[in-house]
Amino acid sequence: MGIHVLHVLNSAHGGSAISTFEMIEALRAKGIRSSLVCFNNASKEQREKIGELVEGRVVFIPLYWMNKRIRSALWKRPLLEVLSWWRTRRG
C-alpha cells in the first residue's frame, strides 16, 4: 500500500506553503503519496497547480485560526470568535 502523508496549510501562499510544496515533490520522488488540506485563499490557477501536485487529493476549506488578531471592540470579540468557529465548522 505505501506511505501517505496529509499536509495541512493555513495559506496557499508564503514560505511554509512553498516549503510544503517542495517537500511534496521530494516525497513523491521517493514514492510517498501526499494529500493536502488548505485554507481556501488560493486563486483558480493556484488551486489547479496544487491539485496537479497532489494528483487531485486536495481540499480547500475555511480554517479556524486561533492566533488571528481580531480588531474590534472588546465586547464583540467573543461573538466574532464564535461566528468564525461556526463558519469553519459548517465548511
C-alpha atoms as a PDB file:
ATOM      1  CA  MET A   1       0.000   0.000   0.000  1.00  0.00           C
ATOM      2  CA  GLY A   2       2.736   2.506   0.815  1.00  0.00           C
ATOM      3  CA  ILE A   3       3.088   5.661   2.834  1.00  0.00           C
ATOM      4  CA  HIS A   4       0.599   8.505   2.505  1.00  0.00           C
ATOM      5  CA  VAL A   5       1.146  11.904   4.182  1.00  0.00           C
ATOM      6  CA  LEU A   6      -1.520  14.504   4.957  1.00  0.00           C
ATOM      7  CA  HIS A   7      -0.342  18.121   4.906  1.00  0.00           C
ATOM      8  CA  VAL A   8      -2.390  20.975   6.397  1.00  0.00           C
ATOM      9  CA  LEU A   9      -1.677  24.566   5.340  1.00  0.00           C
ATOM     10  CA  ASN A  10      -3.227  27.719   6.738  1.00  0.00           C
ATOM     11  CA  SER A  11      -2.424  29.514   3.476  1.00  0.00           C
ATOM     12  CA  ALA A  12      -1.705  28.674  -0.146  1.00  0.00           C
ATOM     13  CA  HIS A  13       0.887  31.482  -0.149  1.00  0.00           C
ATOM     14  CA  GLY A  14       4.149  32.210   1.603  1.00  0.00           C
ATOM     15  CA  GLY A  15       7.224  30.403   2.798  1.00  0.00           C
ATOM     16  CA  SER A  16       5.590  27.495   4.587  1.00  0.00           C
ATOM     17  CA  ALA A  17       3.420  26.746   1.541  1.00  0.00           C
ATOM     18  CA  ILE A  18       6.440  26.827  -0.781  1.00  0.00           C
ATOM     19  CA  SER A  19       8.390  24.552   1.578  1.00  0.00           C
ATOM     20  CA  THR A  20       5.457  22.156   1.801  1.00  0.00           C
ATOM     21  CA  PHE A  21       5.070  22.008  -1.990  1.00  0.00           C
ATOM     22  CA  GLU A  22       8.806  21.290  -2.342  1.00  0.00           C
ATOM     23  CA  MET A  23       8.540  18.577   0.318  1.00  0.00           C
ATOM     24  CA  ILE A  24       5.572  17.010  -1.503  1.00  0.00           C
ATOM     25  CA  GLU A  25       7.654  16.855  -4.688  1.00  0.00           C
ATOM     26  CA  ALA A  26      10.607  15.299  -2.832  1.00  0.00           C
ATOM     27  CA  LEU A  27       8.322  12.753  -1.164  1.00  0.00           C
ATOM     28  CA  ARG A  28       6.726  11.867  -4.494  1.00  0.00           C
ATOM     29  CA  ALA A  29      10.191  11.200  -5.933  1.00  0.00           C
ATOM     30  CA  LYS A  30      10.589   8.599  -3.173  1.00  0.00           C
ATOM     31  CA  GLY A  31       7.213   7.009  -3.903  1.00  0.00           C
ATOM     32  CA  ILE A  32       5.378   8.630  -0.986  1.00  0.00           C
ATOM     33  CA  ARG A  33       1.907   9.996  -1.763  1.00  0.00           C
ATOM     34  CA  SER A  34       0.598  13.243  -0.300  1.00  0.00           C
ATOM     35  CA  SER A  35      -2.822  14.787   0.304  1.00  0.00           C
ATOM     36  CA  LEU A  36      -3.434  18.383   1.267  1.00  0.00           C
ATOM     37  CA  VAL A  37      -5.946  20.373   3.293  1.00  0.00           C
ATOM     38  CA  CYS A  38      -5.503  24.066   2.624  1.00  0.00           C
ATOM     39  CA  PHE A  39      -7.151  27.318   3.641  1.00  0.00           C
ATOM     40  CA  ASN A  40      -9.300  28.498   0.751  1.00  0.00           C
ATOM     41  CA  ASN A  41      -7.318  31.609  -0.182  1.00  0.00           C
ATOM     42  CA  ALA A  42      -5.818  30.247  -3.421  1.00  0.00           C
ATOM     43  CA  SER A  43      -6.592  31.597  -6.869  1.00  0.00           C
ATOM     44  CA  LYS A  44      -8.095  29.299  -9.503  1.00  0.00           C
ATOM     45  CA  GLU A  45      -4.662  28.862 -11.115  1.00  0.00           C
ATOM     46  CA  GLN A  46      -3.047  28.037  -7.775  1.00  0.00           C
ATOM     47  CA  ARG A  47      -5.798  25.507  -6.984  1.00  0.00           C
ATOM     48  CA  GLU A  48      -5.187  23.769 -10.309  1.00  0.00           C
ATOM     49  CA  LYS A  49      -1.411  23.705  -9.799  1.00  0.00           C
ATOM     50  CA  ILE A  50      -1.759  22.391  -6.249  1.00  0.00           C
ATOM     51  CA  GLY A  51      -4.292  19.807  -7.422  1.00  0.00           C
ATOM     52  CA  GLU A  52      -1.839  18.547 -10.036  1.00  0.00           C
ATOM     53  CA  LEU A  53       0.922  18.397  -7.439  1.00  0.00           C
ATOM     54  CA  VAL A  54      -1.066  16.034  -5.206  1.00  0.00           C
ATOM     55  CA  GLU A  55      -2.925  14.260  -8.026  1.00  0.00           C
ATOM     56  CA  GLY A  56      -6.261  15.773  -7.023  1.00  0.00           C
ATOM     57  CA  ARG A  57      -6.053  14.840  -3.339  1.00  0.00           C
ATOM     58  CA  VAL A  58      -6.666  18.356  -2.028  1.00  0.00           C
ATOM     59  CA  VAL A  59      -9.476  20.072  -0.153  1.00  0.00           C
ATOM     60  CA  PHE A  60      -9.722  23.859   0.127  1.00  0.00           C
ATOM     61  CA  ILE A  61     -11.751  24.865   3.177  1.00  0.00           C
ATOM     62  CA  PRO A  62     -12.092  27.717   5.651  1.00  0.00           C
ATOM     63  CA  LEU A  63      -9.857  27.032   8.629  1.00  0.00           C
ATOM     64  CA  TYR A  64     -10.379  28.406  12.107  1.00  0.00           C
ATOM     65  CA  TRP A  65      -7.349  30.443  13.164  1.00  0.00           C
ATOM     66  CA  MET A  66      -6.872  30.555  16.905  1.00  0.00           C
ATOM     67  CA  ASN A  67      -3.976  33.004  16.701  1.00  0.00           C
ATOM     68  CA  LYS A  68      -5.552  35.623  14.458  1.00  0.00           C
ATOM     69  CA  ARG A  69      -5.960  39.197  15.550  1.00  0.00           C
ATOM     70  CA  ILE A  70      -9.452  40.496  15.970  1.00  0.00           C
ATOM     71  CA  ARG A  71      -9.556  44.238  15.585  1.00  0.00           C
ATOM     72  CA  SER A  72     -12.890  45.002  17.099  1.00  0.00           C
ATOM     73  CA  ALA A  73     -14.420  46.286  20.293  1.00  0.00           C
ATOM     74  CA  LEU A  74     -13.542  44.066  23.240  1.00  0.00           C
ATOM     75  CA  TRP A  75     -17.156  43.107  23.873  1.00  0.00           C
ATOM     76  CA  LYS A  76     -17.578  41.919  20.232  1.00  0.00           C
ATOM     77  CA  ARG A  77     -14.543  39.628  20.170  1.00  0.00           C
ATOM     78  CA  PRO A  78     -16.144  36.552  21.781  1.00  0.00           C
ATOM     79  CA  LEU A  79     -19.074  36.829  19.362  1.00  0.00           C
ATOM     80  CA  LEU A  80     -16.756  37.117  16.373  1.00  0.00           C
ATOM     81  CA  GLU A  81     -14.748  34.127  17.594  1.00  0.00           C
ATOM     82  CA  VAL A  82     -17.896  32.014  17.849  1.00  0.00           C
ATOM     83  CA  LEU A  83     -19.011  33.148  14.400  1.00  0.00           C
ATOM     84  CA  SER A  84     -15.626  32.293  12.901  1.00  0.00           C
ATOM     85  CA  TRP A  85     -15.648  28.893  14.567  1.00  0.00           C
ATOM     86  CA  TRP A  86     -19.203  28.200  13.372  1.00  0.00           C
ATOM     87  CA  ARG A  87     -18.422  29.137   9.748  1.00  0.00           C
ATOM     88  CA  THR A  88     -15.415  26.829   9.794  1.00  0.00           C
ATOM     89  CA  ARG A  89     -17.434  24.028  11.325  1.00  0.00           C
ATOM     90  CA  ARG A  90     -20.062  24.244   8.595  1.00  0.00           C
ATOM     91  CA  GLY A  91     -17.299  24.491   5.983  1.00  0.00           C
END
